[in-house]
Amino acid sequence: MLVKDSYELEEFLRGALSEPELRCRFCYRLRLEATAQEAAAGKFDAFTTTLLVSKYQRHELIKTIAQEVAQKYGVDFYYEDFRRGYYQGQNRARELGIYRQKYCGCIFSERDRYI
């Protein structure tokens, strides 16, 4: 599992602007490219993303970008629509007292959740 807890904020703000389509496209590429690079460097067979659990994410866009970076780095992308277990996962996390982030992770979505 790759957990990257920091990204270049200035790069994100320059690339993402504040339009949801642009910021999601930029963010997906940034995250998936970093993941594909790590997967290739670690000689993994494939990579995927937890973004595919959320019913709020743009699955087709994620899939398209992931397939592009998979080809670029020579590692397979594993796609599965994990949304079917979304509510069960949320309920189980609640039962276990696990933190559930209420936004996708970008600075704009964090702002939007408070508006």
C-alpha atoms as a PDB file:
ATOM      1  CA  MET A   1       0.000   0.000   0.000  1.00  0.00           C
ATOM      2  CA  LEU A   2       1.315   3.415  -0.961  1.00  0.00           C
ATOM      3  CA  VAL A   3       0.322   6.304   1.267  1.00  0.00           C
ATOM      4  CA  LYS A   4       1.572   9.673   0.173  1.00  0.00           C
ATOM      5  CA  ASP A   5       0.571  12.352   2.610  1.00  0.00           C
ATOM      6  CA  SER A   6       1.977  15.363   0.836  1.00  0.00           C
ATOM      7  CA  TYR A   7       1.795  16.791  -2.650  1.00  0.00           C
ATOM      8  CA  GLU A   8       3.174  19.982  -4.052  1.00  0.00           C
ATOM      9  CA  LEU A   9       0.413  22.437  -3.085  1.00  0.00           C
ATOM     10  CA  GLU A  10       1.643  25.172  -5.406  1.00  0.00           C
ATOM     11  CA  GLU A  11       1.718  22.714  -8.308  1.00  0.00           C
ATOM     12  CA  PHE A  12      -1.791  21.580  -7.435  1.00  0.00           C
ATOM     13  CA  LEU A  13      -3.158  25.119  -7.225  1.00  0.00           C
ATOM     14  CA  ARG A  14      -1.533  26.111 -10.540  1.00  0.00           C
ATOM     15  CA  GLY A  15      -2.825  23.029 -12.298  1.00  0.00           C
ATOM     16  CA  ALA A  16      -6.204  22.562 -10.720  1.00  0.00           C
ATOM     17  CA  LEU A  17      -7.701  26.018 -10.656  1.00  0.00           C
ATOM     18  CA  SER A  18     -11.114  25.923  -9.030  1.00  0.00           C
ATOM     19  CA  GLU A  19     -13.225  24.231 -11.717  1.00  0.00           C
ATOM     20  CA  PRO A  20     -14.253  20.770 -10.529  1.00  0.00           C
ATOM     21  CA  GLU A  21     -13.591  19.015 -13.841  1.00  0.00           C
ATOM     22  CA  LEU A  22     -10.107  20.508 -14.144  1.00  0.00           C
ATOM     23  CA  ARG A  23      -9.158  20.001 -10.532  1.00  0.00           C
ATOM     24  CA  CYS A  24     -10.339  16.380 -10.501  1.00  0.00           C
ATOM     25  CA  ARG A  25      -8.531  15.599 -13.748  1.00  0.00           C
ATOM     26  CA  PHE A  26      -5.329  17.188 -12.427  1.00  0.00           C
ATOM     27  CA  CYS A  27      -5.576  15.556  -9.004  1.00  0.00           C
ATOM     28  CA  TYR A  28      -6.355  12.091 -10.386  1.00  0.00           C
ATOM     29  CA  ARG A  29      -3.358  12.323 -12.707  1.00  0.00           C
ATOM     30  CA  LEU A  30      -1.075  13.545  -9.916  1.00  0.00           C
ATOM     31  CA  ARG A  31      -2.119  10.742  -7.548  1.00  0.00           C
ATOM     32  CA  LEU A  32      -2.278   7.955 -10.102  1.00  0.00           C
ATOM     33  CA  GLU A  33       1.021   8.864 -11.717  1.00  0.00           C
ATOM     34  CA  ALA A  34       2.763   8.791  -8.324  1.00  0.00           C
ATOM     35  CA  THR A  35       1.158   5.421  -7.596  1.00  0.00           C
ATOM     36  CA  ALA A  36       2.109   3.970 -10.988  1.00  0.00           C
ATOM     37  CA  GLN A  37       5.696   5.166 -10.544  1.00  0.00           C
ATOM     38  CA  GLU A  38       5.917   3.467  -7.145  1.00  0.00           C
ATOM     39  CA  ALA A  39       4.325   0.290  -8.499  1.00  0.00           C
ATOM     40  CA  ALA A  40       6.802   0.152 -11.376  1.00  0.00           C
ATOM     41  CA  ALA A  41       9.775   0.886  -9.111  1.00  0.00           C
ATOM     42  CA  GLY A  42       8.633  -1.829  -6.700  1.00  0.00           C
ATOM     43  CA  LYS A  43       8.081  -4.274  -9.568  1.00  0.00           C
ATOM     44  CA  PHE A  44       4.431  -4.770  -8.614  1.00  0.00           C
ATOM     45  CA  ASP A  45       2.123  -6.550 -11.041  1.00  0.00           C
ATOM     46  CA  ALA A  46      -0.534  -3.833 -10.850  1.00  0.00           C
ATOM     47  CA  PHE A  47      -1.851  -0.829  -8.954  1.00  0.00           C
ATOM     48  CA  THR A  48      -5.283   0.516  -8.083  1.00  0.00           C
ATOM     49  CA  THR A  49      -6.755   3.326  -5.992  1.00  0.00           C
ATOM     50  CA  THR A  50      -9.070   3.766  -3.036  1.00  0.00           C
ATOM     51  CA  LEU A  51     -10.797   6.496  -5.042  1.00  0.00           C
ATOM     52  CA  LEU A  52     -12.776   3.657  -6.648  1.00  0.00           C
ATOM     53  CA  VAL A  53     -14.661   3.065  -3.382  1.00  0.00           C
ATOM     54  CA  SER A  54     -16.370   6.443  -3.455  1.00  0.00           C
ATOM     55  CA  LYS A  55     -19.691   6.936  -5.166  1.00  0.00           C
ATOM     56  CA  TYR A  56     -18.732  10.595  -5.510  1.00  0.00           C
ATOM     57  CA  GLN A  57     -15.656  10.082  -7.701  1.00  0.00           C
ATOM     58  CA  ARG A  58     -15.607  10.131 -11.501  1.00  0.00           C
ATOM     59  CA  HIS A  59     -14.853   6.467 -12.191  1.00  0.00           C
ATOM     60  CA  GLU A  60     -14.563   6.694 -15.968  1.00  0.00           C
ATOM     61  CA  LEU A  61     -12.107   9.588 -15.702  1.00  0.00           C
ATOM     62  CA  ILE A  62     -10.084   7.732 -13.057  1.00  0.00           C
ATOM     63  CA  LYS A  63     -10.035   4.619 -15.223  1.00  0.00           C
ATOM     64  CA  THR A  64      -8.942   6.538 -18.345  1.00  0.00           C
ATOM     65  CA  ILE A  65      -6.123   8.379 -16.580  1.00  0.00           C
ATOM     66  CA  ALA A  66      -4.981   5.264 -14.726  1.00  0.00           C
ATOM     67  CA  GLN A  67      -4.776   3.287 -17.955  1.00  0.00           C
ATOM     68  CA  GLU A  68      -2.683   6.078 -19.522  1.00  0.00           C
ATOM     69  CA  VAL A  69      -0.180   6.168 -16.660  1.00  0.00           C
ATOM     70  CA  ALA A  70      -0.169   2.363 -16.475  1.00  0.00           C
ATOM     71  CA  GLN A  71       0.985   2.253 -20.080  1.00  0.00           C
ATOM     72  CA  LYS A  72       3.527   5.014 -19.470  1.00  0.00           C
ATOM     73  CA  TYR A  73       5.149   3.149 -16.551  1.00  0.00           C
ATOM     74  CA  GLY A  74       4.650  -0.391 -17.824  1.00  0.00           C
ATOM     75  CA  VAL A  75       2.518  -1.639 -14.950  1.00  0.00           C
ATOM     76  CA  ASP A  76      -1.093  -2.838 -15.108  1.00  0.00           C
ATOM     77  CA  PHE A  77      -3.987  -0.909 -13.608  1.00  0.00           C
ATOM     78  CA  TYR A  78      -6.525  -3.006 -11.725  1.00  0.00           C
ATOM     79  CA  TYR A  79     -10.018  -1.573 -12.092  1.00  0.00           C
ATOM     80  CA  GLU A  80     -12.962  -2.740 -10.078  1.00  0.00           C
ATOM     81  CA  ASP A  81     -16.071  -0.798  -9.158  1.00  0.00           C
ATOM     82  CA  PHE A  82     -15.831  -1.007  -5.383  1.00  0.00           C
ATOM     83  CA  ARG A  83     -18.866   1.276  -4.878  1.00  0.00           C
ATOM     84  CA  ARG A  84     -21.206  -1.659  -4.384  1.00  0.00           C
ATOM     85  CA  GLY A  85     -19.794  -2.026  -0.853  1.00  0.00           C
ATOM     86  CA  TYR A  86     -19.792   1.697  -0.113  1.00  0.00           C
ATOM     87  CA  TYR A  87     -22.575   1.784   2.492  1.00  0.00           C
ATOM     88  CA  GLN A  88     -21.480  -1.410   4.210  1.00  0.00           C
ATOM     89  CA  GLY A  89     -17.947  -0.038   4.433  1.00  0.00           C
ATOM     90  CA  GLN A  90     -19.188   3.256   5.849  1.00  0.00           C
ATOM     91  CA  ASN A  91     -21.313   1.478   8.439  1.00  0.00           C
ATOM     92  CA  ARG A  92     -18.488  -0.849   9.439  1.00  0.00           C
ATOM     93  CA  ALA A  93     -16.041   2.042   9.764  1.00  0.00           C
ATOM     94  CA  ARG A  94     -18.554   3.849  11.968  1.00  0.00           C
ATOM     95  CA  GLU A  95     -18.945   0.746  14.179  1.00  0.00           C
ATOM     96  CA  LEU A  96     -15.169   0.464  14.544  1.00  0.00           C
ATOM     97  CA  GLY A  97     -14.696   4.179  15.178  1.00  0.00           C
ATOM     98  CA  ILE A  98     -12.494   4.574  12.101  1.00  0.00           C
ATOM     99  CA  TYR A  99     -12.018   8.074  10.742  1.00  0.00           C
ATOM    100  CA  ARG A 100     -14.096   8.749   7.627  1.00  0.00           C
ATOM    101  CA  GLN A 101     -13.025  11.765   5.624  1.00  0.00           C
ATOM    102  CA  LYS A 102     -16.004  13.759   4.390  1.00  0.00           C
ATOM    103  CA  TYR A 103     -14.303  15.187   1.319  1.00  0.00           C
ATOM    104  CA  CYS A 104     -12.060  13.825  -1.429  1.00  0.00           C
ATOM    105  CA  GLY A 105      -8.877  15.328  -0.054  1.00  0.00           C
ATOM    106  CA  CYS A 106      -8.262  18.357  -2.235  1.00  0.00           C
ATOM    107  CA  ILE A 107      -8.200  21.821  -0.751  1.00  0.00           C
ATOM    108  CA  PHE A 108     -11.206  22.907  -2.836  1.00  0.00           C
ATOM    109  CA  SER A 109     -13.436  20.049  -1.721  1.00  0.00           C
ATOM    110  CA  GLU A 110     -12.457  20.684   1.882  1.00  0.00           C
ATOM    111  CA  ARG A 111     -13.504  24.311   1.446  1.00  0.00           C
ATOM    112  CA  ASP A 112     -16.749  23.285  -0.286  1.00  0.00           C
ATOM    113  CA  ARG A 113     -17.791  20.941   2.536  1.00  0.00           C
ATOM    114  CA  TYR A 114     -17.901  23.908   4.934  1.00  0.00           C
ATOM    115  CA  ILE A 115     -19.880  26.196   2.607  1.00  0.00           C
END
